[in-house]
Amino acid sequence: MPILPVLPEPPLPILTYIIRFGIGFILLALFIRAIASWFRIDERYAFIRFLARITDPFILPLRRFMKPIWMLDLSFFVAWFMLYCLQILLVQALPVGW
């Protein structure tokens, strides 16, 4: 029975970390911006403008199809859910150790 060589795994799964932390940062920005919108903290503050520049590409297309229900903007939740699912799918699609 032949012995198959064992390929060493990379020491750090760098691509997995990039995907998790990159999308995780956007998810955190979405969460903070949603909380800020509930407390009527608008874009007068530089930090909220920074979060808006990061999260608007994900929220604005959804706002065209989803109108706010009462005072609750569901586009934040839908964008968060879609990004979280994308993160899971991308990490699962990578080979082990990437």
PDB file of N, CA and C in Angstrom:
ATOM      1  N   MET A   1       0.844  -1.172   0.000  1.00  0.00           N
ATOM      2  CA  MET A   1       0.000   0.000   0.000  1.00  0.00           C
ATOM      3  C   MET A   1       0.898   1.248   0.000  1.00  0.00           C
ATOM      4  N   PRO A   2       0.782   2.111  -1.012  1.00  0.00           N
ATOM      5  CA  PRO A   2       1.672   3.279  -1.079  1.00  0.00           C
ATOM      6  C   PRO A   2       1.287   4.328  -0.037  1.00  0.00           C
ATOM      7  N   ILE A   3       2.301   4.981   0.440  1.00  0.00           N
ATOM      8  CA  ILE A   3       2.096   6.048   1.421  1.00  0.00           C
ATOM      9  C   ILE A   3       2.003   7.367   0.656  1.00  0.00           C
ATOM     10  N   LEU A   4       0.917   8.083   0.871  1.00  0.00           N
ATOM     11  CA  LEU A   4       0.709   9.361   0.194  1.00  0.00           C
ATOM     12  C   LEU A   4       1.390  10.469   0.985  1.00  0.00           C
ATOM     13  N   PRO A   5       2.055  11.369   0.303  1.00  0.00           N
ATOM     14  CA  PRO A   5       2.690  12.472   1.025  1.00  0.00           C
ATOM     15  C   PRO A   5       1.638  13.411   1.610  1.00  0.00           C
ATOM     16  N   VAL A   6       1.921  13.892   2.781  1.00  0.00           N
ATOM     17  CA  VAL A   6       1.017  14.819   3.458  1.00  0.00           C
ATOM     18  C   VAL A   6       1.505  16.230   3.166  1.00  0.00           C
ATOM     19  N   LEU A   7       0.626  17.023   2.593  1.00  0.00           N
ATOM     20  CA  LEU A   7       0.982  18.399   2.293  1.00  0.00           C
ATOM     21  C   LEU A   7       0.815  19.249   3.559  1.00  0.00           C
ATOM     22  N   PRO A   8       1.812  20.050   3.875  1.00  0.00           N
ATOM     23  CA  PRO A   8       1.671  20.889   5.070  1.00  0.00           C
ATOM     24  C   PRO A   8       0.635  21.990   4.845  1.00  0.00           C
ATOM     25  N   GLU A   9      -0.117  22.280   5.890  1.00  0.00           N
ATOM     26  CA  GLU A   9      -1.098  23.356   5.816  1.00  0.00           C
ATOM     27  C   GLU A   9      -0.386  24.684   6.015  1.00  0.00           C
ATOM     28  N   PRO A  10      -0.917  25.740   5.437  1.00  0.00           N
ATOM     29  CA  PRO A  10      -0.328  27.050   5.698  1.00  0.00           C
ATOM     30  C   PRO A  10      -0.452  27.383   7.185  1.00  0.00           C
ATOM     31  N   PRO A  11       0.497  28.127   7.727  1.00  0.00           N
ATOM     32  CA  PRO A  11       0.465  28.395   9.163  1.00  0.00           C
ATOM     33  C   PRO A  11      -0.748  29.213   9.598  1.00  0.00           C
ATOM     34  N   LEU A  12      -1.197  30.129   8.755  1.00  0.00           N
ATOM     35  CA  LEU A  12      -2.363  30.944   9.081  1.00  0.00           C
ATOM     36  C   LEU A  12      -3.345  30.931   7.915  1.00  0.00           C
ATOM     37  N   PRO A  13      -4.610  30.718   8.216  1.00  0.00           N
ATOM     38  CA  PRO A  13      -5.604  30.797   7.129  1.00  0.00           C
ATOM     39  C   PRO A  13      -5.904  32.266   6.819  1.00  0.00           C
ATOM     40  N   ILE A  14      -5.012  32.894   6.070  1.00  0.00           N
ATOM     41  CA  ILE A  14      -5.063  34.343   5.851  1.00  0.00           C
ATOM     42  C   ILE A  14      -6.327  34.760   5.108  1.00  0.00           C
ATOM     43  N   LEU A  15      -6.691  34.041   4.066  1.00  0.00           N
ATOM     44  CA  LEU A  15      -7.868  34.425   3.289  1.00  0.00           C
ATOM     45  C   LEU A  15      -9.145  34.316   4.125  1.00  0.00           C
ATOM     46  N   THR A  16      -9.204  33.318   4.984  1.00  0.00           N
ATOM     47  CA  THR A  16     -10.352  33.184   5.880  1.00  0.00           C
ATOM     48  C   THR A  16     -10.423  34.372   6.832  1.00  0.00           C
ATOM     49  N   TYR A  17      -9.280  34.781   7.373  1.00  0.00           N
ATOM     50  CA  TYR A  17      -9.261  35.946   8.266  1.00  0.00           C
ATOM     51  C   TYR A  17      -9.679  37.215   7.541  1.00  0.00           C
ATOM     52  N   ILE A  18      -9.226  37.385   6.311  1.00  0.00           N
ATOM     53  CA  ILE A  18      -9.584  38.584   5.539  1.00  0.00           C
ATOM     54  C   ILE A  18     -11.091  38.634   5.312  1.00  0.00           C
ATOM     55  N   ILE A  19     -11.685  37.509   4.947  1.00  0.00           N
ATOM     56  CA  ILE A  19     -13.129  37.471   4.706  1.00  0.00           C
ATOM     57  C   ILE A  19     -13.886  37.719   6.001  1.00  0.00           C
ATOM     58  N   ARG A  20     -13.508  37.028   7.057  1.00  0.00           N
ATOM     59  CA  ARG A  20     -14.242  37.178   8.326  1.00  0.00           C
ATOM     60  C   ARG A  20     -14.126  38.575   8.908  1.00  0.00           C
ATOM     61  N   PHE A  21     -12.921  39.129   8.942  1.00  0.00           N
ATOM     62  CA  PHE A  21     -12.753  40.449   9.539  1.00  0.00           C
ATOM     63  C   PHE A  21     -13.254  41.556   8.620  1.00  0.00           C
ATOM     64  N   GLY A  22     -13.106  41.386   7.316  1.00  0.00           N
ATOM     65  CA  GLY A  22     -13.594  42.399   6.380  1.00  0.00           C
ATOM     66  C   GLY A  22     -15.107  42.529   6.425  1.00  0.00           C
ATOM     67  N   ILE A  23     -15.795  41.411   6.259  1.00  0.00           N
ATOM     68  CA  ILE A  23     -17.256  41.449   6.314  1.00  0.00           C
ATOM     69  C   ILE A  23     -17.720  41.708   7.739  1.00  0.00           C
ATOM     70  N   GLY A  24     -16.975  41.218   8.728  1.00  0.00           N
ATOM     71  CA  GLY A  24     -17.324  41.500  10.117  1.00  0.00           C
ATOM     72  C   GLY A  24     -17.276  42.979  10.442  1.00  0.00           C
ATOM     73  N   PHE A  25     -16.308  43.690   9.857  1.00  0.00           N
ATOM     74  CA  PHE A  25     -16.222  45.136  10.056  1.00  0.00           C
ATOM     75  C   PHE A  25     -17.436  45.844   9.452  1.00  0.00           C
ATOM     76  N   ILE A  26     -17.854  45.396   8.278  1.00  0.00           N
ATOM     77  CA  ILE A  26     -19.033  45.993   7.646  1.00  0.00           C
ATOM     78  C   ILE A  26     -20.290  45.683   8.456  1.00  0.00           C
ATOM     79  N   LEU A  27     -20.386  44.476   9.004  1.00  0.00           N
ATOM     80  CA  LEU A  27     -21.532  44.122   9.842  1.00  0.00           C
ATOM     81  C   LEU A  27     -21.577  44.986  11.100  1.00  0.00           C
ATOM     82  N   LEU A  28     -20.415  45.208  11.701  1.00  0.00           N
ATOM     83  CA  LEU A  28     -20.361  46.074  12.884  1.00  0.00           C
ATOM     84  C   LEU A  28     -20.752  47.502  12.525  1.00  0.00           C
ATOM     85  N   ALA A  29     -20.295  47.998  11.379  1.00  0.00           N
ATOM     86  CA  ALA A  29     -20.655  49.346  10.934  1.00  0.00           C
ATOM     87  C   ALA A  29     -22.160  49.451  10.695  1.00  0.00           C
ATOM     88  N   LEU A  30     -22.763  48.409  10.117  1.00  0.00           N
ATOM     89  CA  LEU A  30     -24.215  48.400   9.919  1.00  0.00           C
ATOM     90  C   LEU A  30     -24.947  48.451  11.251  1.00  0.00           C
ATOM     91  N   PHE A  31     -24.479  47.676  12.214  1.00  0.00           N
ATOM     92  CA  PHE A  31     -25.127  47.633  13.520  1.00  0.00           C
ATOM     93  C   PHE A  31     -25.050  48.998  14.215  1.00  0.00           C
ATOM     94  N   ILE A  32     -23.866  49.608  14.210  1.00  0.00           N
ATOM     95  CA  ILE A  32     -23.701  50.908  14.868  1.00  0.00           C
ATOM     96  C   ILE A  32     -24.550  51.968  14.164  1.00  0.00           C
ATOM     97  N   ARG A  33     -24.580  51.925  12.848  1.00  0.00           N
ATOM     98  CA  ARG A  33     -25.377  52.919  12.120  1.00  0.00           C
ATOM     99  C   ARG A  33     -26.874  52.723  12.367  1.00  0.00           C
ATOM    100  N   ALA A  34     -27.326  51.482  12.495  1.00  0.00           N
ATOM    101  CA  ALA A  34     -28.740  51.233  12.804  1.00  0.00           C
ATOM    102  C   ALA A  34     -29.090  51.785  14.180  1.00  0.00           C
ATOM    103  N   ILE A  35     -28.231  51.539  15.159  1.00  0.00           N
ATOM    104  CA  ILE A  35     -28.465  52.069  16.509  1.00  0.00           C
ATOM    105  C   ILE A  35     -28.466  53.592  16.475  1.00  0.00           C
ATOM    106  N   ALA A  36     -27.536  54.188  15.745  1.00  0.00           N
ATOM    107  CA  ALA A  36     -27.469  55.645  15.655  1.00  0.00           C
ATOM    108  C   ALA A  36     -28.722  56.214  15.000  1.00  0.00           C
ATOM    109  N   SER A  37     -29.270  55.514  14.020  1.00  0.00           N
ATOM    110  CA  SER A  37     -30.476  56.021  13.365  1.00  0.00           C
ATOM    111  C   SER A  37     -31.688  55.937  14.297  1.00  0.00           C
ATOM    112  N   TRP A  38     -31.717  54.963  15.183  1.00  0.00           N
ATOM    113  CA  TRP A  38     -32.830  54.871  16.133  1.00  0.00           C
ATOM    114  C   TRP A  38     -32.804  56.020  17.130  1.00  0.00           C
ATOM    115  N   PHE A  39     -31.609  56.502  17.460  1.00  0.00           N
ATOM    116  CA  PHE A  39     -31.479  57.595  18.412  1.00  0.00           C
ATOM    117  C   PHE A  39     -31.341  58.947  17.722  1.00  0.00           C
ATOM    118  N   ARG A  40     -31.643  58.993  16.434  1.00  0.00           N
ATOM    119  CA  ARG A  40     -31.631  60.215  15.631  1.00  0.00           C
ATOM    120  C   ARG A  40     -30.277  60.919  15.619  1.00  0.00           C
ATOM    121  N   ILE A  41     -29.214  60.135  15.609  1.00  0.00           N
ATOM    122  CA  ILE A  41     -27.869  60.693  15.454  1.00  0.00           C
ATOM    123  C   ILE A  41     -27.607  60.737  13.956  1.00  0.00           C
ATOM    124  N   ASP A  42     -27.587  61.932  13.392  1.00  0.00           N
ATOM    125  CA  ASP A  42     -27.499  62.053  11.941  1.00  0.00           C
ATOM    126  C   ASP A  42     -26.063  62.247  11.475  1.00  0.00           C
ATOM    127  N   GLU A  43     -25.911  62.636  10.232  1.00  0.00           N
ATOM    128  CA  GLU A  43     -24.591  62.696   9.610  1.00  0.00           C
ATOM    129  C   GLU A  43     -23.848  64.004   9.885  1.00  0.00           C
ATOM    130  N   ARG A  44     -24.255  64.736  10.891  1.00  0.00           N
ATOM    131  CA  ARG A  44     -23.468  65.907  11.297  1.00  0.00           C
ATOM    132  C   ARG A  44     -22.144  65.469  11.903  1.00  0.00           C
ATOM    133  N   TYR A  45     -22.119  64.284  12.469  1.00  0.00           N
ATOM    134  CA  TYR A  45     -20.919  63.767  13.116  1.00  0.00           C
ATOM    135  C   TYR A  45     -20.056  63.021  12.096  1.00  0.00           C
ATOM    136  N   ALA A  46     -18.765  63.241  12.175  1.00  0.00           N
ATOM    137  CA  ALA A  46     -17.838  62.660  11.196  1.00  0.00           C
ATOM    138  C   ALA A  46     -17.847  61.135  11.236  1.00  0.00           C
ATOM    139  N   PHE A  47     -17.994  60.568  12.441  1.00  0.00           N
ATOM    140  CA  PHE A  47     -17.991  59.108  12.565  1.00  0.00           C
ATOM    141  C   PHE A  47     -19.194  58.498  11.851  1.00  0.00           C
ATOM    142  N   ILE A  48     -20.347  59.134  11.961  1.00  0.00           N
ATOM    143  CA  ILE A  48     -21.542  58.620  11.301  1.00  0.00           C
ATOM    144  C   ILE A  48     -21.423  58.796   9.786  1.00  0.00           C
ATOM    145  N   ARG A  49     -20.810  59.896   9.327  1.00  0.00           N
ATOM    146  CA  ARG A  49     -20.559  60.061   7.891  1.00  0.00           C
ATOM    147  C   ARG A  49     -19.641  58.971   7.368  1.00  0.00           C
ATOM    148  N   PHE A  50     -18.620  58.615   8.171  1.00  0.00           N
ATOM    149  CA  PHE A  50     -17.712  57.530   7.795  1.00  0.00           C
ATOM    150  C   PHE A  50     -18.472  56.207   7.686  1.00  0.00           C
ATOM    151  N   LEU A  51     -19.326  55.916   8.654  1.00  0.00           N
ATOM    152  CA  LEU A  51     -20.129  54.686   8.608  1.00  0.00           C
ATOM    153  C   LEU A  51     -21.094  54.703   7.427  1.00  0.00           C
ATOM    154  N   ALA A  52     -21.630  55.869   7.115  1.00  0.00           N
ATOM    155  CA  ALA A  52     -22.556  55.974   5.980  1.00  0.00           C
ATOM    156  C   ALA A  52     -21.839  55.683   4.671  1.00  0.00           C
ATOM    157  N   ARG A  53     -20.610  56.160   4.519  1.00  0.00           N
ATOM    158  CA  ARG A  53     -19.854  55.890   3.286  1.00  0.00           C
ATOM    159  C   ARG A  53     -19.550  54.405   3.138  1.00  0.00           C
ATOM    160  N   ILE A  54     -19.364  53.711   4.252  1.00  0.00           N
ATOM    161  CA  ILE A  54     -19.072  52.275   4.201  1.00  0.00           C
ATOM    162  C   ILE A  54     -20.335  51.461   3.939  1.00  0.00           C
ATOM    163  N   THR A  55     -21.432  51.827   4.589  1.00  0.00           N
ATOM    164  CA  THR A  55     -22.627  50.986   4.555  1.00  0.00           C
ATOM    165  C   THR A  55     -23.642  51.360   3.475  1.00  0.00           C
ATOM    166  N   ASP A  56     -23.575  52.569   2.932  1.00  0.00           N
ATOM    167  CA  ASP A  56     -24.561  52.968   1.923  1.00  0.00           C
ATOM    168  C   ASP A  56     -24.596  52.068   0.688  1.00  0.00           C
ATOM    169  N   PRO A  57     -23.463  51.567   0.184  1.00  0.00           N
ATOM    170  CA  PRO A  57     -23.568  50.675  -0.986  1.00  0.00           C
ATOM    171  C   PRO A  57     -24.381  49.401  -0.719  1.00  0.00           C
ATOM    172  N   PHE A  58     -24.540  49.030   0.532  1.00  0.00           N
ATOM    173  CA  PHE A  58     -25.311  47.827   0.865  1.00  0.00           C
ATOM    174  C   PHE A  58     -26.755  48.155   1.221  1.00  0.00           C
ATOM    175  N   ILE A  59     -26.990  49.352   1.756  1.00  0.00           N
ATOM    176  CA  ILE A  59     -28.320  49.710   2.245  1.00  0.00           C
ATOM    177  C   ILE A  59     -29.173  50.382   1.169  1.00  0.00           C
ATOM    178  N   LEU A  60     -28.592  51.289   0.402  1.00  0.00           N
ATOM    179  CA  LEU A  60     -29.391  52.073  -0.555  1.00  0.00           C
ATOM    180  C   LEU A  60     -30.101  51.233  -1.615  1.00  0.00           C
ATOM    181  N   PRO A  61     -29.477  50.204  -2.197  1.00  0.00           N
ATOM    182  CA  PRO A  61     -30.250  49.388  -3.157  1.00  0.00           C
ATOM    183  C   PRO A  61     -31.445  48.687  -2.510  1.00  0.00           C
ATOM    184  N   LEU A  62     -31.309  48.307  -1.248  1.00  0.00           N
ATOM    185  CA  LEU A  62     -32.425  47.646  -0.567  1.00  0.00           C
ATOM    186  C   LEU A  62     -33.529  48.633  -0.228  1.00  0.00           C
ATOM    187  N   ARG A  63     -33.181  49.885   0.040  1.00  0.00           N
ATOM    188  CA  ARG A  63     -34.192  50.894   0.375  1.00  0.00           C
ATOM    189  C   ARG A  63     -35.095  51.202  -0.811  1.00  0.00           C
ATOM    190  N   ARG A  64     -34.627  50.954  -2.033  1.00  0.00           N
ATOM    191  CA  ARG A  64     -35.490  51.178  -3.195  1.00  0.00           C
ATOM    192  C   ARG A  64     -36.669  50.212  -3.201  1.00  0.00           C
ATOM    193  N   PHE A  65     -36.457  49.012  -2.665  1.00  0.00           N
ATOM    194  CA  PHE A  65     -37.506  48.000  -2.668  1.00  0.00           C
ATOM    195  C   PHE A  65     -38.250  47.896  -1.341  1.00  0.00           C
ATOM    196  N   MET A  66     -37.610  48.296  -0.267  1.00  0.00           N
ATOM    197  CA  MET A  66     -38.206  48.149   1.059  1.00  0.00           C
ATOM    198  C   MET A  66     -38.396  49.524   1.695  1.00  0.00           C
ATOM    199  N   LYS A  67     -39.633  49.877   1.924  1.00  0.00           N
ATOM    200  CA  LYS A  67     -39.930  51.140   2.588  1.00  0.00           C
ATOM    201  C   LYS A  67     -39.951  50.916   4.094  1.00  0.00           C
ATOM    202  N   PRO A  68     -39.641  51.952   4.878  1.00  0.00           N
ATOM    203  CA  PRO A  68     -39.682  51.782   6.341  1.00  0.00           C
ATOM    204  C   PRO A  68     -41.090  51.433   6.823  1.00  0.00           C
ATOM    205  N   ILE A  69     -41.150  50.540   7.770  1.00  0.00           N
ATOM    206  CA  ILE A  69     -42.411  50.169   8.396  1.00  0.00           C
ATOM    207  C   ILE A  69     -42.482  50.911   9.718  1.00  0.00           C
ATOM    208  N   TRP A  70     -43.420  51.833   9.796  1.00  0.00           N
ATOM    209  CA  TRP A  70     -43.565  52.714  10.941  1.00  0.00           C
ATOM    210  C   TRP A  70     -42.273  53.490  11.117  1.00  0.00           C
ATOM    211  N   MET A  71     -41.502  53.285  12.180  1.00  0.00           N
ATOM    212  CA  MET A  71     -40.219  53.957  12.338  1.00  0.00           C
ATOM    213  C   MET A  71     -39.054  52.989  12.178  1.00  0.00           C
ATOM    214  N   LEU A  72     -39.324  51.784  11.748  1.00  0.00           N
ATOM    215  CA  LEU A  72     -38.297  50.752  11.659  1.00  0.00           C
ATOM    216  C   LEU A  72     -37.852  50.570  10.209  1.00  0.00           C
ATOM    217  N   ASP A  73     -36.570  50.799   9.963  1.00  0.00           N
ATOM    218  CA  ASP A  73     -36.004  50.626   8.631  1.00  0.00           C
ATOM    219  C   ASP A  73     -35.454  49.203   8.528  1.00  0.00           C
ATOM    220  N   LEU A  74     -36.146  48.366   7.784  1.00  0.00           N
ATOM    221  CA  LEU A  74     -35.772  46.959   7.694  1.00  0.00           C
ATOM    222  C   LEU A  74     -34.597  46.709   6.761  1.00  0.00           C
ATOM    223  N   SER A  75     -34.201  47.700   5.988  1.00  0.00           N
ATOM    224  CA  SER A  75     -33.097  47.493   5.054  1.00  0.00           C
ATOM    225  C   SER A  75     -31.787  47.195   5.794  1.00  0.00           C
ATOM    226  N   PHE A  76     -31.608  47.740   6.994  1.00  0.00           N
ATOM    227  CA  PHE A  76     -30.423  47.419   7.794  1.00  0.00           C
ATOM    228  C   PHE A  76     -30.378  45.930   8.125  1.00  0.00           C
ATOM    229  N   PHE A  77     -31.524  45.395   8.546  1.00  0.00           N
ATOM    230  CA  PHE A  77     -31.572  43.990   8.935  1.00  0.00           C
ATOM    231  C   PHE A  77     -31.373  43.069   7.738  1.00  0.00           C
ATOM    232  N   VAL A  78     -31.975  43.415   6.619  1.00  0.00           N
ATOM    233  CA  VAL A  78     -31.844  42.584   5.416  1.00  0.00           C
ATOM    234  C   VAL A  78     -30.398  42.614   4.913  1.00  0.00           C
ATOM    235  N   ALA A  79     -29.783  43.802   4.918  1.00  0.00           N
ATOM    236  CA  ALA A  79     -28.384  43.912   4.486  1.00  0.00           C
ATOM    237  C   ALA A  79     -27.479  43.131   5.429  1.00  0.00           C
ATOM    238  N   TRP A  80     -27.732  43.227   6.735  1.00  0.00           N
ATOM    239  CA  TRP A  80     -26.929  42.493   7.708  1.00  0.00           C
ATOM    240  C   TRP A  80     -27.067  40.987   7.476  1.00  0.00           C
ATOM    241  N   PHE A  81     -28.282  40.515   7.269  1.00  0.00           N
ATOM    242  CA  PHE A  81     -28.524  39.087   7.050  1.00  0.00           C
ATOM    243  C   PHE A  81     -27.843  38.603   5.767  1.00  0.00           C
ATOM    244  N   MET A  82     -27.945  39.388   4.695  1.00  0.00           N
ATOM    245  CA  MET A  82     -27.343  38.985   3.424  1.00  0.00           C
ATOM    246  C   MET A  82     -25.813  38.960   3.513  1.00  0.00           C
ATOM    247  N   LEU A  83     -25.220  39.952   4.175  1.00  0.00           N
ATOM    248  CA  LEU A  83     -23.759  39.960   4.330  1.00  0.00           C
ATOM    249  C   LEU A  83     -23.288  38.816   5.221  1.00  0.00           C
ATOM    250  N   TYR A  84     -24.042  38.521   6.262  1.00  0.00           N
ATOM    251  CA  TYR A  84     -23.672  37.421   7.148  1.00  0.00           C
ATOM    252  C   TYR A  84     -23.732  36.089   6.403  1.00  0.00           C
ATOM    253  N   CYS A  85     -24.772  35.892   5.593  1.00  0.00           N
ATOM    254  CA  CYS A  85     -24.868  34.668   4.790  1.00  0.00           C
ATOM    255  C   CYS A  85     -23.739  34.594   3.767  1.00  0.00           C
ATOM    256  N   LEU A  86     -23.400  35.738   3.162  1.00  0.00           N
ATOM    257  CA  LEU A  86     -22.294  35.764   2.206  1.00  0.00           C
ATOM    258  C   LEU A  86     -20.984  35.398   2.881  1.00  0.00           C
ATOM    259  N   GLN A  87     -20.780  35.891   4.090  1.00  0.00           N
ATOM    260  CA  GLN A  87     -19.560  35.564   4.837  1.00  0.00           C
ATOM    261  C   GLN A  87     -19.476  34.064   5.100  1.00  0.00           C
ATOM    262  N   ILE A  88     -20.558  33.469   5.534  1.00  0.00           N
ATOM    263  CA  ILE A  88     -20.573  32.033   5.813  1.00  0.00           C
ATOM    264  C   ILE A  88     -20.306  31.235   4.535  1.00  0.00           C
ATOM    265  N   LEU A  89     -20.960  31.610   3.443  1.00  0.00           N
ATOM    266  CA  LEU A  89     -20.780  30.881   2.191  1.00  0.00           C
ATOM    267  C   LEU A  89     -19.359  31.014   1.650  1.00  0.00           C
ATOM    268  N   LEU A  90     -18.776  32.199   1.742  1.00  0.00           N
ATOM    269  CA  LEU A  90     -17.405  32.376   1.260  1.00  0.00           C
ATOM    270  C   LEU A  90     -16.402  31.575   2.080  1.00  0.00           C
ATOM    271  N   VAL A  91     -16.570  31.572   3.386  1.00  0.00           N
ATOM    272  CA  VAL A  91     -15.636  30.830   4.238  1.00  0.00           C
ATOM    273  C   VAL A  91     -15.784  29.330   4.008  1.00  0.00           C
ATOM    274  N   GLN A  92     -17.006  28.862   3.818  1.00  0.00           N
ATOM    275  CA  GLN A  92     -17.210  27.441   3.571  1.00  0.00           C
ATOM    276  C   GLN A  92     -16.707  27.012   2.197  1.00  0.00           C
ATOM    277  N   ALA A  93     -16.673  27.931   1.240  1.00  0.00           N
ATOM    278  CA  ALA A  93     -16.215  27.593  -0.101  1.00  0.00           C
ATOM    279  C   ALA A  93     -14.690  27.489  -0.192  1.00  0.00           C
ATOM    280  N   LEU A  94     -13.988  28.041   0.790  1.00  0.00           N
ATOM    281  CA  LEU A  94     -12.530  27.975   0.768  1.00  0.00           C
ATOM    282  C   LEU A  94     -12.047  26.589   1.161  1.00  0.00           C
ATOM    283  N   PRO A  95     -10.932  26.153   0.590  1.00  0.00           N
ATOM    284  CA  PRO A  95     -10.346  24.902   1.045  1.00  0.00           C
ATOM    285  C   PRO A  95      -9.856  25.042   2.507  1.00  0.00           C
ATOM    286  N   VAL A  96      -9.704  23.925   3.163  1.00  0.00           N
ATOM    287  CA  VAL A  96      -9.255  23.929   4.570  1.00  0.00           C
ATOM    288  C   VAL A  96      -7.861  24.527   4.652  1.00  0.00           C
ATOM    289  N   GLY A  97      -7.695  25.452   5.573  1.00  0.00           N
ATOM    290  CA  GLY A  97      -6.390  26.053   5.796  1.00  0.00           C
ATOM    291  C   GLY A  97      -6.105  27.281   4.966  1.00  0.00           C
ATOM    292  N   TRP A  98      -7.072  27.758   4.200  1.00  0.00           N
ATOM    293  CA  TRP A  98      -6.868  28.953   3.398  1.00  0.00           C
ATOM    294  C   TRP A  98      -7.311  30.098   4.210  1.00  0.00           C
TER     295      TRP A  98
END
